[in-house]
Amino acid sequence: MKKIMLAVAAIGVSAIASAASVNWASGAIQTPTSATDGTLSGDKLTTASGYNVTMYVWESLASDAVSYSSGDLFKWYQDGALSTKDPFGSETPISALSKTPTTGASATTVTVNGTVAPASDGTSVYAAVLFVLEDATTGDAKWYMENAASKASAKSVVNQSNLALKIGGTGAATSWTAVPEPTSGLLLLLGMAGLALKRKRA
């Protein structure tokens, strides 16, 4: 009887812990204004937009653990998304989660189920979030958006909404960043190398 009671208690503790996790939700994602302007267009991402979106989330109970410099998260994506090394310099991701939604005729939203479960309710969970917009036909990354967020846990699972439009729930508008084209960068490097060679010969 004592063993049964201990097993029930363990299940109860486990349920409470998992209930304290946070779901990270994108809200309705807006597309960039144009091919060159990454400001939010007001148009919701749908199957007609020509993009697919993937959302990556890193969670931690410490805000410093998921702090990053601009471009860090996308560099991780370019270096090989979902590799063992994460953007924060650790070989083991803090809590790497990813989700690619199936877009529909209505606005696309993405929700990633958190795995960090604080010991007590009301404890804040911090996250770094990366959104990548890919060409729906070629799969090439075209735009990316990086965000920081935090949310206090609760007895039931809670959502941090509109991560694609806000940073940390403050309501500050964000914009998409165009993905640098490798061909342009290569041409620039070749041009600089040619100039350096010309100067050396002179």
N, C-alpha and C. Protein backbone atom coordinates (compact mmCIF):
# COMPACT_ATOMS: atom_id res chain seq x y z
N MET A 1 0.83 -1.20 0.00
CA MET A 1 0.00 0.00 0.00
C MET A 1 0.87 1.26 0.00
N LYS A 2 1.95 1.18 0.78
CA LYS A 2 2.85 2.33 0.88
C LYS A 2 3.48 2.63 -0.48
N LYS A 3 3.86 1.56 -1.23
CA LYS A 3 4.46 1.73 -2.55
C LYS A 3 3.48 2.38 -3.52
N ILE A 4 2.22 1.98 -3.43
CA ILE A 4 1.19 2.56 -4.30
C ILE A 4 1.02 4.05 -4.02
N MET A 5 1.01 4.41 -2.72
CA MET A 5 0.87 5.82 -2.34
C MET A 5 2.04 6.65 -2.85
N LEU A 6 3.26 6.09 -2.76
CA LEU A 6 4.45 6.78 -3.25
C LEU A 6 4.38 6.98 -4.76
N ALA A 7 3.89 5.96 -5.47
CA ALA A 7 3.77 6.04 -6.92
C ALA A 7 2.77 7.12 -7.32
N VAL A 8 1.64 7.17 -6.62
CA VAL A 8 0.60 8.18 -6.88
C VAL A 8 1.17 9.58 -6.62
N ALA A 9 1.91 9.72 -5.52
CA ALA A 9 2.51 11.02 -5.17
C ALA A 9 3.49 11.45 -6.25
N ALA A 10 4.29 10.52 -6.75
CA ALA A 10 5.27 10.83 -7.80
C ALA A 10 4.57 11.30 -9.07
N ILE A 11 3.47 10.62 -9.43
CA ILE A 11 2.69 11.01 -10.61
C ILE A 11 2.11 12.40 -10.42
N GLY A 12 1.64 12.68 -9.21
CA GLY A 12 1.07 13.99 -8.91
C GLY A 12 2.08 15.10 -9.03
N VAL A 13 3.29 14.88 -8.51
CA VAL A 13 4.36 15.87 -8.60
C VAL A 13 4.75 16.10 -10.04
N SER A 14 4.82 15.00 -10.81
CA SER A 14 5.16 15.11 -12.23
C SER A 14 4.13 15.93 -12.99
N ALA A 15 2.86 15.73 -12.69
CA ALA A 15 1.78 16.46 -13.37
C ALA A 15 1.86 17.94 -13.05
N ILE A 16 2.17 18.27 -11.78
CA ILE A 16 2.27 19.68 -11.38
C ILE A 16 3.44 20.34 -12.10
N ALA A 17 4.57 19.61 -12.18
CA ALA A 17 5.76 20.17 -12.82
C ALA A 17 5.51 20.45 -14.29
N SER A 18 4.89 19.48 -15.00
CA SER A 18 4.65 19.67 -16.42
C SER A 18 3.63 20.76 -16.68
N ALA A 19 2.72 20.95 -15.74
CA ALA A 19 1.69 21.98 -15.90
C ALA A 19 2.28 23.38 -15.80
N ALA A 20 3.50 23.48 -15.26
CA ALA A 20 4.12 24.79 -15.10
C ALA A 20 4.88 25.23 -16.35
N SER A 21 4.90 24.40 -17.39
CA SER A 21 5.64 24.74 -18.59
C SER A 21 4.94 25.86 -19.36
N VAL A 22 5.67 26.43 -20.32
CA VAL A 22 5.15 27.54 -21.11
C VAL A 22 5.08 27.14 -22.58
N ASN A 23 3.99 27.46 -23.23
CA ASN A 23 3.89 27.29 -24.68
C ASN A 23 4.26 28.61 -25.35
N TRP A 24 5.13 28.55 -26.33
CA TRP A 24 5.57 29.76 -27.03
C TRP A 24 4.80 29.88 -28.34
N ALA A 25 3.92 30.86 -28.45
CA ALA A 25 3.04 30.99 -29.61
C ALA A 25 3.41 32.20 -30.45
N SER A 26 3.37 32.05 -31.76
CA SER A 26 3.77 33.14 -32.64
C SER A 26 2.71 34.22 -32.77
N GLY A 27 1.45 33.86 -32.58
CA GLY A 27 0.39 34.78 -32.98
C GLY A 27 0.31 34.78 -34.50
N ALA A 28 -0.55 35.58 -35.06
CA ALA A 28 -0.69 35.66 -36.52
C ALA A 28 0.56 36.33 -37.09
N ILE A 29 1.29 35.63 -37.94
CA ILE A 29 2.55 36.14 -38.48
C ILE A 29 2.29 37.02 -39.69
N GLN A 30 2.93 38.19 -39.71
CA GLN A 30 2.80 39.10 -40.84
C GLN A 30 3.99 38.93 -41.78
N THR A 31 3.75 39.08 -43.06
CA THR A 31 4.81 38.97 -44.06
C THR A 31 5.57 40.29 -44.18
N PRO A 32 6.77 40.28 -44.79
CA PRO A 32 7.49 41.53 -45.04
C PRO A 32 6.73 42.42 -46.01
N THR A 33 7.00 43.70 -45.99
CA THR A 33 6.28 44.64 -46.85
C THR A 33 6.54 44.37 -48.33
N SER A 34 7.80 44.15 -48.68
CA SER A 34 8.13 43.93 -50.09
C SER A 34 9.36 43.03 -50.18
N ALA A 35 9.87 42.86 -51.39
CA ALA A 35 11.03 42.00 -51.58
C ALA A 35 12.29 42.57 -50.94
N THR A 36 12.28 43.88 -50.68
CA THR A 36 13.48 44.52 -50.10
C THR A 36 13.23 45.15 -48.74
N ASP A 37 11.97 45.30 -48.36
CA ASP A 37 11.62 45.95 -47.11
C ASP A 37 11.07 44.93 -46.12
N GLY A 38 11.72 44.81 -44.96
CA GLY A 38 11.32 43.81 -43.99
C GLY A 38 10.34 44.26 -42.95
N THR A 39 9.82 45.49 -43.07
CA THR A 39 8.83 45.94 -42.11
C THR A 39 7.55 45.12 -42.24
N LEU A 40 6.77 45.07 -41.18
CA LEU A 40 5.56 44.25 -41.19
C LEU A 40 4.52 44.86 -42.11
N SER A 41 3.99 44.03 -43.00
CA SER A 41 3.08 44.52 -44.04
C SER A 41 1.64 44.67 -43.57
N GLY A 42 1.29 43.96 -42.50
CA GLY A 42 -0.12 43.91 -42.09
C GLY A 42 -0.84 42.75 -42.72
N ASP A 43 -0.21 42.12 -43.75
CA ASP A 43 -0.80 40.95 -44.40
C ASP A 43 -0.39 39.70 -43.64
N LYS A 44 -1.36 38.88 -43.30
CA LYS A 44 -1.09 37.66 -42.54
C LYS A 44 -0.48 36.59 -43.43
N LEU A 45 0.45 35.83 -42.89
CA LEU A 45 1.08 34.73 -43.62
C LEU A 45 0.07 33.61 -43.85
N THR A 46 -0.12 33.24 -45.12
CA THR A 46 -1.02 32.14 -45.50
C THR A 46 -0.35 31.33 -46.60
N THR A 47 -1.04 30.32 -47.10
CA THR A 47 -0.49 29.51 -48.19
C THR A 47 -0.28 30.35 -49.45
N ALA A 48 -1.01 31.45 -49.58
CA ALA A 48 -0.89 32.29 -50.77
C ALA A 48 0.31 33.23 -50.70
N SER A 49 0.98 33.30 -49.55
CA SER A 49 2.08 34.25 -49.37
C SER A 49 3.36 33.84 -50.07
N GLY A 50 3.50 32.55 -50.37
CA GLY A 50 4.71 32.07 -51.04
C GLY A 50 5.84 31.75 -50.09
N TYR A 51 5.55 31.72 -48.77
CA TYR A 51 6.57 31.42 -47.77
C TYR A 51 6.13 30.26 -46.89
N ASN A 52 7.11 29.54 -46.36
CA ASN A 52 6.90 28.64 -45.24
C ASN A 52 7.66 29.24 -44.06
N VAL A 53 7.19 29.00 -42.85
CA VAL A 53 7.88 29.54 -41.68
C VAL A 53 8.27 28.40 -40.74
N THR A 54 9.46 28.51 -40.17
CA THR A 54 9.89 27.59 -39.13
C THR A 54 10.25 28.42 -37.91
N MET A 55 9.83 27.96 -36.74
CA MET A 55 10.07 28.67 -35.49
C MET A 55 10.95 27.80 -34.59
N TYR A 56 12.03 28.38 -34.07
CA TYR A 56 12.94 27.69 -33.16
C TYR A 56 12.94 28.43 -31.82
N VAL A 57 12.93 27.69 -30.73
CA VAL A 57 12.89 28.30 -29.39
C VAL A 57 13.94 27.66 -28.49
N TRP A 58 14.66 28.51 -27.74
CA TRP A 58 15.56 28.02 -26.70
C TRP A 58 15.05 28.56 -25.37
N GLU A 59 14.92 27.70 -24.38
CA GLU A 59 14.35 28.09 -23.09
C GLU A 59 15.38 27.95 -21.96
N SER A 60 15.17 28.74 -20.92
CA SER A 60 16.00 28.60 -19.73
C SER A 60 15.31 29.32 -18.57
N LEU A 61 15.66 28.93 -17.35
CA LEU A 61 15.17 29.63 -16.17
C LEU A 61 16.03 30.85 -15.87
N ALA A 62 17.16 30.98 -16.55
CA ALA A 62 18.06 32.14 -16.37
C ALA A 62 18.08 32.97 -17.64
N SER A 63 17.83 34.26 -17.51
CA SER A 63 17.76 35.12 -18.70
C SER A 63 19.11 35.19 -19.41
N ASP A 64 20.20 35.20 -18.65
CA ASP A 64 21.53 35.29 -19.25
C ASP A 64 21.84 34.10 -20.15
N ALA A 65 21.25 32.97 -19.83
CA ALA A 65 21.55 31.74 -20.58
C ALA A 65 21.04 31.79 -22.01
N VAL A 66 20.04 32.62 -22.27
CA VAL A 66 19.48 32.72 -23.62
C VAL A 66 19.66 34.12 -24.20
N SER A 67 20.66 34.86 -23.72
CA SER A 67 20.94 36.18 -24.29
C SER A 67 21.82 35.99 -25.52
N TYR A 68 21.63 36.82 -26.52
CA TYR A 68 22.34 36.65 -27.78
C TYR A 68 22.56 38.00 -28.44
N SER A 69 23.50 38.07 -29.35
CA SER A 69 23.72 39.27 -30.15
C SER A 69 22.97 39.12 -31.46
N SER A 70 22.63 40.25 -32.06
CA SER A 70 21.86 40.23 -33.30
C SER A 70 22.57 39.38 -34.36
N GLY A 71 21.82 38.48 -34.96
CA GLY A 71 22.35 37.62 -36.01
C GLY A 71 22.85 36.28 -35.52
N ASP A 72 23.03 36.12 -34.20
CA ASP A 72 23.54 34.86 -33.65
C ASP A 72 22.65 33.67 -33.98
N LEU A 73 21.33 33.86 -33.80
CA LEU A 73 20.41 32.75 -33.97
C LEU A 73 20.34 32.32 -35.43
N PHE A 74 20.34 33.30 -36.33
CA PHE A 74 20.27 32.94 -37.74
C PHE A 74 21.59 32.31 -38.20
N LYS A 75 22.72 32.74 -37.64
CA LYS A 75 24.00 32.13 -37.99
C LYS A 75 23.98 30.65 -37.63
N TRP A 76 23.36 30.33 -36.47
CA TRP A 76 23.21 28.92 -36.07
C TRP A 76 22.41 28.17 -37.13
N TYR A 77 21.35 28.79 -37.63
CA TYR A 77 20.52 28.17 -38.66
C TYR A 77 21.34 27.93 -39.93
N GLN A 78 22.12 28.93 -40.33
CA GLN A 78 22.93 28.80 -41.54
C GLN A 78 24.01 27.73 -41.40
N ASP A 79 24.55 27.60 -40.19
CA ASP A 79 25.63 26.63 -39.95
C ASP A 79 25.12 25.20 -39.90
N GLY A 80 23.80 25.03 -39.91
CA GLY A 80 23.22 23.69 -39.87
C GLY A 80 22.22 23.57 -38.74
N ALA A 81 21.00 23.98 -39.03
CA ALA A 81 19.96 24.00 -38.00
C ALA A 81 19.80 22.62 -37.36
N LEU A 82 19.50 22.66 -36.07
CA LEU A 82 19.31 21.45 -35.27
C LEU A 82 20.59 20.62 -35.13
N SER A 83 21.74 21.26 -35.31
CA SER A 83 23.01 20.59 -35.05
C SER A 83 23.19 20.48 -33.54
N THR A 84 24.20 19.75 -33.10
CA THR A 84 24.37 19.55 -31.66
C THR A 84 24.80 20.83 -30.96
N LYS A 85 25.56 21.68 -31.64
CA LYS A 85 26.00 22.93 -31.02
C LYS A 85 24.91 23.97 -31.15
N ASP A 86 24.70 24.76 -30.09
CA ASP A 86 23.65 25.76 -30.12
C ASP A 86 24.23 27.17 -30.22
N PRO A 87 23.40 28.20 -30.40
CA PRO A 87 23.90 29.57 -30.60
C PRO A 87 24.53 30.16 -29.34
N PHE A 88 24.42 29.49 -28.23
CA PHE A 88 24.89 30.05 -26.97
C PHE A 88 26.23 29.46 -26.53
N GLY A 89 26.91 28.77 -27.45
CA GLY A 89 28.24 28.26 -27.19
C GLY A 89 28.30 26.93 -26.47
N SER A 90 27.17 26.31 -26.25
CA SER A 90 27.14 25.03 -25.56
C SER A 90 26.97 23.90 -26.56
N GLU A 91 27.59 22.78 -26.27
CA GLU A 91 27.44 21.62 -27.15
C GLU A 91 26.06 20.99 -27.01
N THR A 92 25.44 21.22 -25.86
CA THR A 92 24.10 20.69 -25.63
C THR A 92 23.11 21.85 -25.56
N PRO A 93 22.15 21.93 -26.47
CA PRO A 93 21.19 23.03 -26.44
C PRO A 93 20.48 23.12 -25.09
N ILE A 94 20.22 24.35 -24.66
CA ILE A 94 19.55 24.58 -23.38
C ILE A 94 18.20 23.86 -23.39
N SER A 95 17.45 24.07 -24.40
CA SER A 95 16.18 23.37 -24.61
C SER A 95 15.70 23.76 -26.00
N ALA A 96 16.28 23.16 -27.01
CA ALA A 96 15.97 23.54 -28.39
C ALA A 96 14.69 22.87 -28.86
N LEU A 97 13.74 23.68 -29.29
CA LEU A 97 12.45 23.18 -29.77
C LEU A 97 12.23 23.78 -31.15
N SER A 98 11.61 23.05 -32.04
CA SER A 98 11.33 23.62 -33.35
C SER A 98 9.96 23.18 -33.83
N LYS A 99 9.38 24.00 -34.68
CA LYS A 99 8.05 23.69 -35.21
C LYS A 99 7.86 24.34 -36.57
N THR A 100 7.47 23.55 -37.54
CA THR A 100 7.09 24.07 -38.85
C THR A 100 5.59 23.80 -39.02
N PRO A 101 4.78 24.85 -39.09
CA PRO A 101 3.34 24.62 -39.19
C PRO A 101 2.91 24.31 -40.61
N THR A 102 1.74 23.77 -40.74
CA THR A 102 1.12 23.63 -42.05
C THR A 102 0.27 24.87 -42.27
N THR A 103 0.67 25.69 -43.23
CA THR A 103 -0.06 26.93 -43.46
C THR A 103 -1.41 26.64 -44.10
N GLY A 104 -2.36 27.50 -43.83
CA GLY A 104 -3.70 27.33 -44.39
C GLY A 104 -4.15 28.59 -45.07
N ALA A 105 -5.40 28.61 -45.48
CA ALA A 105 -5.95 29.79 -46.14
C ALA A 105 -6.09 30.94 -45.16
N SER A 106 -6.30 30.62 -43.89
CA SER A 106 -6.38 31.66 -42.86
C SER A 106 -4.98 31.90 -42.31
N ALA A 107 -4.84 32.85 -41.41
CA ALA A 107 -3.53 33.25 -40.89
C ALA A 107 -2.79 32.08 -40.24
N THR A 108 -1.50 32.04 -40.51
CA THR A 108 -0.65 31.00 -39.95
C THR A 108 -0.18 31.39 -38.55
N THR A 109 -0.24 30.47 -37.62
CA THR A 109 0.34 30.66 -36.29
C THR A 109 1.17 29.43 -35.96
N VAL A 110 2.15 29.62 -35.09
CA VAL A 110 3.01 28.51 -34.69
C VAL A 110 3.04 28.45 -33.16
N THR A 111 2.88 27.28 -32.60
CA THR A 111 2.98 27.10 -31.16
C THR A 111 3.96 25.97 -30.86
N VAL A 112 4.96 26.28 -30.04
CA VAL A 112 5.93 25.28 -29.63
C VAL A 112 5.69 24.95 -28.16
N ASN A 113 5.59 23.68 -27.84
CA ASN A 113 5.33 23.27 -26.46
C ASN A 113 6.62 23.28 -25.66
N GLY A 114 6.65 24.10 -24.62
CA GLY A 114 7.83 24.21 -23.79
C GLY A 114 8.13 22.96 -23.00
N THR A 115 9.39 22.80 -22.62
CA THR A 115 9.80 21.64 -21.83
C THR A 115 10.38 22.04 -20.47
N VAL A 116 10.71 23.33 -20.31
CA VAL A 116 11.27 23.77 -19.03
C VAL A 116 10.14 23.91 -18.03
N ALA A 117 10.22 23.16 -16.95
CA ALA A 117 9.16 23.18 -15.93
C ALA A 117 9.74 23.68 -14.61
N PRO A 118 9.46 24.91 -14.23
CA PRO A 118 9.96 25.47 -12.96
C PRO A 118 9.46 24.67 -11.76
N ALA A 119 10.23 24.73 -10.69
CA ALA A 119 9.86 23.98 -9.49
C ALA A 119 8.58 24.52 -8.86
N SER A 120 8.32 25.82 -9.05
CA SER A 120 7.11 26.40 -8.47
C SER A 120 6.45 27.34 -9.48
N ASP A 121 5.13 27.50 -9.35
CA ASP A 121 4.39 28.38 -10.25
C ASP A 121 4.80 29.84 -10.01
N GLY A 122 4.69 30.64 -11.06
CA GLY A 122 5.03 32.05 -10.94
C GLY A 122 6.48 32.34 -11.26
N THR A 123 7.29 31.29 -11.46
CA THR A 123 8.69 31.48 -11.84
C THR A 123 8.77 31.82 -13.32
N SER A 124 9.59 32.81 -13.67
CA SER A 124 9.70 33.22 -15.07
C SER A 124 10.56 32.26 -15.87
N VAL A 125 10.11 31.99 -17.08
CA VAL A 125 10.88 31.20 -18.04
C VAL A 125 11.28 32.15 -19.16
N TYR A 126 12.55 32.10 -19.56
CA TYR A 126 13.07 33.00 -20.59
C TYR A 126 13.32 32.23 -21.88
N ALA A 127 13.21 32.93 -22.99
CA ALA A 127 13.40 32.24 -24.27
C ALA A 127 14.03 33.16 -25.30
N ALA A 128 14.77 32.54 -26.21
CA ALA A 128 15.23 33.19 -27.43
C ALA A 128 14.51 32.50 -28.57
N VAL A 129 13.99 33.28 -29.50
CA VAL A 129 13.14 32.72 -30.55
C VAL A 129 13.63 33.16 -31.92
N LEU A 130 13.70 32.21 -32.84
CA LEU A 130 14.08 32.49 -34.22
C LEU A 130 12.96 32.07 -35.15
N PHE A 131 12.55 32.97 -36.03
CA PHE A 131 11.60 32.65 -37.10
C PHE A 131 12.35 32.74 -38.42
N VAL A 132 12.18 31.75 -39.29
CA VAL A 132 12.80 31.78 -40.62
C VAL A 132 11.70 31.64 -41.66
N LEU A 133 11.64 32.61 -42.57
CA LEU A 133 10.70 32.53 -43.70
C LEU A 133 11.45 31.95 -44.89
N GLU A 134 10.96 30.85 -45.41
CA GLU A 134 11.60 30.18 -46.53
C GLU A 134 10.71 30.25 -47.76
N ASP A 135 11.33 30.31 -48.92
CA ASP A 135 10.57 30.26 -50.17
C ASP A 135 9.82 28.94 -50.24
N ALA A 136 8.51 29.01 -50.44
CA ALA A 136 7.66 27.82 -50.41
C ALA A 136 8.01 26.84 -51.53
N THR A 137 8.60 27.33 -52.62
CA THR A 137 8.93 26.48 -53.76
C THR A 137 10.32 25.88 -53.65
N THR A 138 11.32 26.74 -53.35
CA THR A 138 12.72 26.28 -53.35
C THR A 138 13.21 25.85 -51.96
N GLY A 139 12.54 26.34 -50.92
CA GLY A 139 12.99 26.04 -49.56
C GLY A 139 14.11 26.93 -49.08
N ASP A 140 14.53 27.90 -49.93
CA ASP A 140 15.61 28.81 -49.55
C ASP A 140 15.14 29.81 -48.50
N ALA A 141 15.97 30.06 -47.50
CA ALA A 141 15.65 31.07 -46.49
C ALA A 141 15.71 32.46 -47.12
N LYS A 142 14.68 33.27 -46.88
CA LYS A 142 14.60 34.61 -47.45
C LYS A 142 14.65 35.71 -46.38
N TRP A 143 14.00 35.44 -45.25
CA TRP A 143 13.93 36.43 -44.17
C TRP A 143 14.08 35.71 -42.83
N TYR A 144 14.54 36.44 -41.82
CA TYR A 144 14.54 35.88 -40.47
C TYR A 144 14.20 36.95 -39.45
N MET A 145 13.75 36.51 -38.29
CA MET A 145 13.41 37.41 -37.20
C MET A 145 13.85 36.76 -35.89
N GLU A 146 14.55 37.52 -35.06
CA GLU A 146 15.01 37.02 -33.77
C GLU A 146 14.29 37.78 -32.66
N ASN A 147 13.86 37.08 -31.65
CA ASN A 147 13.15 37.72 -30.53
C ASN A 147 13.59 37.15 -29.19
N ALA A 148 13.45 37.96 -28.15
CA ALA A 148 13.63 37.49 -26.78
C ALA A 148 12.27 37.56 -26.11
N ALA A 149 12.00 36.66 -25.19
CA ALA A 149 10.70 36.64 -24.53
C ALA A 149 10.82 36.07 -23.14
N SER A 150 9.85 36.38 -22.31
CA SER A 150 9.79 35.78 -20.98
C SER A 150 8.33 35.65 -20.57
N LYS A 151 8.06 34.68 -19.73
CA LYS A 151 6.69 34.46 -19.27
C LYS A 151 6.72 33.77 -17.92
N ALA A 152 5.90 34.27 -16.99
CA ALA A 152 5.78 33.61 -15.69
C ALA A 152 4.94 32.35 -15.85
N SER A 153 5.40 31.25 -15.28
CA SER A 153 4.66 29.99 -15.38
C SER A 153 3.41 30.05 -14.51
N ALA A 154 2.50 29.16 -14.79
CA ALA A 154 1.24 29.10 -14.03
C ALA A 154 0.85 27.65 -13.83
N LYS A 155 -0.23 27.42 -13.09
CA LYS A 155 -0.66 26.05 -12.81
C LYS A 155 -1.11 25.34 -14.07
N SER A 156 -1.61 26.10 -15.01
CA SER A 156 -1.95 25.50 -16.30
C SER A 156 -0.99 26.07 -17.33
N VAL A 157 -0.85 25.39 -18.46
CA VAL A 157 0.05 25.86 -19.50
C VAL A 157 -0.39 27.23 -19.99
N VAL A 158 0.57 28.14 -20.15
CA VAL A 158 0.24 29.49 -20.60
C VAL A 158 0.95 29.79 -21.91
N ASN A 159 0.41 30.72 -22.67
CA ASN A 159 0.97 31.10 -23.96
C ASN A 159 1.61 32.47 -23.90
N GLN A 160 2.76 32.61 -24.52
CA GLN A 160 3.36 33.92 -24.77
C GLN A 160 3.02 34.23 -26.22
N SER A 161 2.10 35.14 -26.43
CA SER A 161 1.57 35.35 -27.78
C SER A 161 2.36 36.38 -28.58
N ASN A 162 2.17 36.33 -29.88
CA ASN A 162 2.68 37.32 -30.80
C ASN A 162 4.19 37.52 -30.73
N LEU A 163 4.92 36.42 -30.59
CA LEU A 163 6.37 36.54 -30.56
C LEU A 163 6.92 37.08 -31.87
N ALA A 164 6.20 36.87 -32.95
CA ALA A 164 6.68 37.35 -34.24
C ALA A 164 6.51 38.86 -34.37
N LEU A 165 5.74 39.44 -33.49
CA LEU A 165 5.46 40.87 -33.60
C LEU A 165 5.96 41.66 -32.40
N LYS A 166 6.30 40.99 -31.34
CA LYS A 166 6.69 41.68 -30.11
C LYS A 166 7.95 41.08 -29.53
N ILE A 167 8.67 41.87 -28.77
CA ILE A 167 9.84 41.37 -28.06
C ILE A 167 9.52 41.32 -26.57
N GLY A 168 9.59 40.15 -26.00
CA GLY A 168 9.36 40.01 -24.57
C GLY A 168 7.99 40.45 -24.11
N GLY A 169 7.02 40.47 -25.02
CA GLY A 169 5.67 40.85 -24.64
C GLY A 169 5.50 42.33 -24.38
N THR A 170 6.48 43.15 -24.78
CA THR A 170 6.40 44.59 -24.50
C THR A 170 5.54 45.33 -25.52
N GLY A 171 5.29 44.68 -26.64
CA GLY A 171 4.50 45.34 -27.68
C GLY A 171 5.35 46.09 -28.68
N ALA A 172 6.69 46.06 -28.49
CA ALA A 172 7.57 46.74 -29.44
C ALA A 172 7.55 46.01 -30.78
N ALA A 173 7.22 46.72 -31.85
CA ALA A 173 7.14 46.09 -33.17
C ALA A 173 8.52 45.68 -33.64
N THR A 174 8.61 44.57 -34.32
CA THR A 174 9.87 44.11 -34.89
C THR A 174 9.72 44.04 -36.40
N SER A 175 10.82 43.78 -37.09
CA SER A 175 10.76 43.65 -38.54
C SER A 175 11.60 42.46 -38.97
N TRP A 176 11.33 41.99 -40.18
CA TRP A 176 12.08 40.88 -40.74
C TRP A 176 13.42 41.39 -41.25
N THR A 177 14.44 40.55 -41.21
CA THR A 177 15.76 40.88 -41.75
C THR A 177 16.00 40.03 -42.98
N ALA A 178 16.37 40.67 -44.08
CA ALA A 178 16.61 39.93 -45.31
C ALA A 178 17.83 39.03 -45.16
N VAL A 179 17.73 37.82 -45.67
CA VAL A 179 18.84 36.88 -45.62
C VAL A 179 19.87 37.29 -46.66
N PRO A 180 21.14 37.49 -46.25
CA PRO A 180 22.16 37.87 -47.23
C PRO A 180 22.35 36.79 -48.27
N GLU A 181 22.42 37.20 -49.53
CA GLU A 181 22.59 36.22 -50.61
C GLU A 181 24.07 35.85 -50.72
N PRO A 182 24.40 34.57 -50.72
CA PRO A 182 25.80 34.16 -50.78
C PRO A 182 26.51 34.61 -52.05
N THR A 183 25.77 34.70 -53.17
CA THR A 183 26.41 35.11 -54.43
C THR A 183 26.89 36.55 -54.34
N SER A 184 26.10 37.43 -53.71
CA SER A 184 26.49 38.83 -53.58
C SER A 184 27.74 38.96 -52.72
N GLY A 185 27.75 38.19 -51.62
CA GLY A 185 28.91 38.22 -50.74
C GLY A 185 30.15 37.70 -51.43
N LEU A 186 30.00 36.66 -52.24
CA LEU A 186 31.13 36.06 -52.94
C LEU A 186 31.70 37.05 -53.97
N LEU A 187 30.81 37.73 -54.71
CA LEU A 187 31.26 38.71 -55.69
C LEU A 187 32.00 39.86 -55.02
N LEU A 188 31.50 40.27 -53.86
CA LEU A 188 32.15 41.35 -53.11
C LEU A 188 33.55 40.94 -52.68
N LEU A 189 33.69 39.72 -52.19
CA LEU A 189 34.99 39.21 -51.77
C LEU A 189 35.96 39.12 -52.94
N LEU A 190 35.47 38.64 -54.09
CA LEU A 190 36.31 38.53 -55.28
C LEU A 190 36.78 39.91 -55.74
N GLY A 191 35.88 40.89 -55.67
CA GLY A 191 36.23 42.26 -56.05
C GLY A 191 37.30 42.84 -55.15
N MET A 192 37.15 42.61 -53.84
CA MET A 192 38.13 43.11 -52.89
C MET A 192 39.48 42.43 -53.09
N ALA A 193 39.44 41.12 -53.39
CA ALA A 193 40.68 40.38 -53.63
C ALA A 193 41.39 40.92 -54.88
N GLY A 194 40.61 41.25 -55.92
CA GLY A 194 41.17 41.80 -57.16
C GLY A 194 41.83 43.14 -56.92
N LEU A 195 41.17 43.98 -56.12
CA LEU A 195 41.74 45.30 -55.80
C LEU A 195 43.04 45.16 -55.02
N ALA A 196 43.04 44.22 -54.07
CA ALA A 196 44.24 44.01 -53.26
C ALA A 196 45.40 43.51 -54.13
N LEU A 197 45.11 42.63 -55.09
CA LEU A 197 46.12 42.09 -55.98
C LEU A 197 46.68 43.19 -56.89
N LYS A 198 45.79 44.05 -57.38
CA LYS A 198 46.18 45.14 -58.26
C LYS A 198 47.10 46.11 -57.54
N ARG A 199 46.73 46.41 -56.25
CA ARG A 199 47.54 47.33 -55.46
C ARG A 199 48.92 46.74 -55.18
N LYS A 200 48.96 45.41 -54.95
CA LYS A 200 50.22 44.73 -54.64
C LYS A 200 51.16 44.79 -55.84
N ARG A 201 50.60 44.60 -57.06
CA ARG A 201 51.42 44.63 -58.27
C ARG A 201 51.93 46.03 -58.57
N ALA A 202 51.09 47.04 -58.23
CA ALA A 202 51.48 48.42 -58.47
C ALA A 202 52.59 48.80 -57.50
